[in-house]
Structure formats: C-alpha cells, structure tokens
Protein backbone atom coordinates (compact mmCIF):
# COMPACT_ATOMS: atom_id res chain seq x y z
CA UNK A 1 0.18 -0.66 0.12
CA UNK A 2 2.40 2.34 0.73
CA UNK A 3 4.64 1.50 -1.88
CA UNK A 4 1.78 2.36 -4.36
CA UNK A 5 0.78 6.07 -2.83
CA UNK A 6 4.76 6.48 -3.43
CA UNK A 7 3.84 5.78 -7.13
CA UNK A 8 1.52 8.05 -6.94
CA UNK A 9 2.86 10.63 -5.45
CA UNK A 10 5.57 10.71 -7.62
CA UNK A 11 2.97 11.09 -10.91
CA UNK A 12 0.94 13.36 -8.95
CA UNK A 13 4.13 15.43 -9.15
CA UNK A 14 5.24 14.80 -12.05
CA UNK A 15 2.32 15.64 -13.67
CA UNK A 16 2.57 18.80 -11.64
CA UNK A 17 5.78 19.74 -13.20
CA UNK A 18 4.13 19.58 -16.62
CA UNK A 19 1.79 21.80 -16.37
CA UNK A 20 3.49 24.36 -14.75
CA UNK A 21 5.39 24.09 -17.35
CA UNK A 22 2.67 24.05 -20.41
CA UNK A 23 1.73 27.47 -17.78
CA UNK A 24 4.81 28.74 -18.26
CA UNK A 25 4.57 28.36 -21.71
CA UNK A 26 1.33 29.26 -22.65
CA UNK A 27 1.87 32.86 -20.66
CA UNK A 28 4.59 33.14 -22.58
CA UNK A 29 2.61 32.74 -25.48
CA UNK A 30 0.02 35.09 -24.68
CA UNK A 31 2.81 37.68 -24.07
CA UNK A 32 3.58 37.80 -27.77
CA UNK A 33 0.49 37.84 -28.90
CA UNK A 34 -0.54 40.41 -26.75
CA UNK A 35 2.33 42.62 -28.36
CA UNK A 36 1.73 42.06 -31.37
CA UNK A 37 -1.78 42.53 -31.24
CA UNK A 38 -0.77 46.08 -29.70
CA UNK A 39 1.90 46.54 -33.24
CA UNK A 40 -0.83 45.68 -34.66
CA UNK A 41 -3.44 47.82 -33.12
CA UNK A 42 -0.38 50.98 -32.74
CA UNK A 43 -0.39 49.88 -36.95
CA UNK A 44 -4.39 50.66 -37.77
CA UNK A 45 -4.58 53.34 -36.29
CA UNK A 46 -1.52 54.81 -37.59
CA UNK A 47 -2.97 54.14 -41.55
CA UNK A 48 -6.65 55.33 -40.71
CA UNK A 49 -5.28 58.70 -39.32
CA UNK A 50 -3.12 59.01 -42.72
CA UNK A 51 -6.69 58.18 -44.88
CA UNK A 52 -7.90 60.35 -42.86
CA UNK A 53 -5.81 63.56 -43.61
CA UNK A 54 -5.61 62.63 -46.68
CA UNK A 55 -9.38 62.45 -47.61
CA UNK A 56 -9.36 66.13 -45.97
CA UNK A 57 -6.61 67.15 -47.97
CA UNK A 58 -9.41 66.20 -51.63
CA UNK A 59 -12.07 68.06 -49.75
CA UNK A 60 -9.94 71.21 -49.25
C-alpha cells in the first residue's frame, strides 16, 4: 500500500511539473500575442489617421 502511494505521489508531482511548464509556455505565448496585437493596433491607428488626413486634403 505504501509503495502504491509513493508511486502515485511521484506521478502527481510529474504531472504538476508538466502543468507548470505548459502554463509558463502559454504565458509566454500570451505575452507575445499581446505585444503583436498592440503593434497591429498601432499600425491600424496610424493608417486610419493617414487616410483621414488624405481625405481632408482632397476635400480642401
């Protein structure tokens, strides 16, 4: 019985470590994605402003 509990404990610890690693990888991926989306958002804003100023120039 004691041996089975030790084995199960080792399995759970291994699963926990794997979960921690996966969580860390996902957090890194989330950070990279957030940064990419922020850059895209900035580019969208710049292009929208350029288009608006171009329309204003045409209307003048």
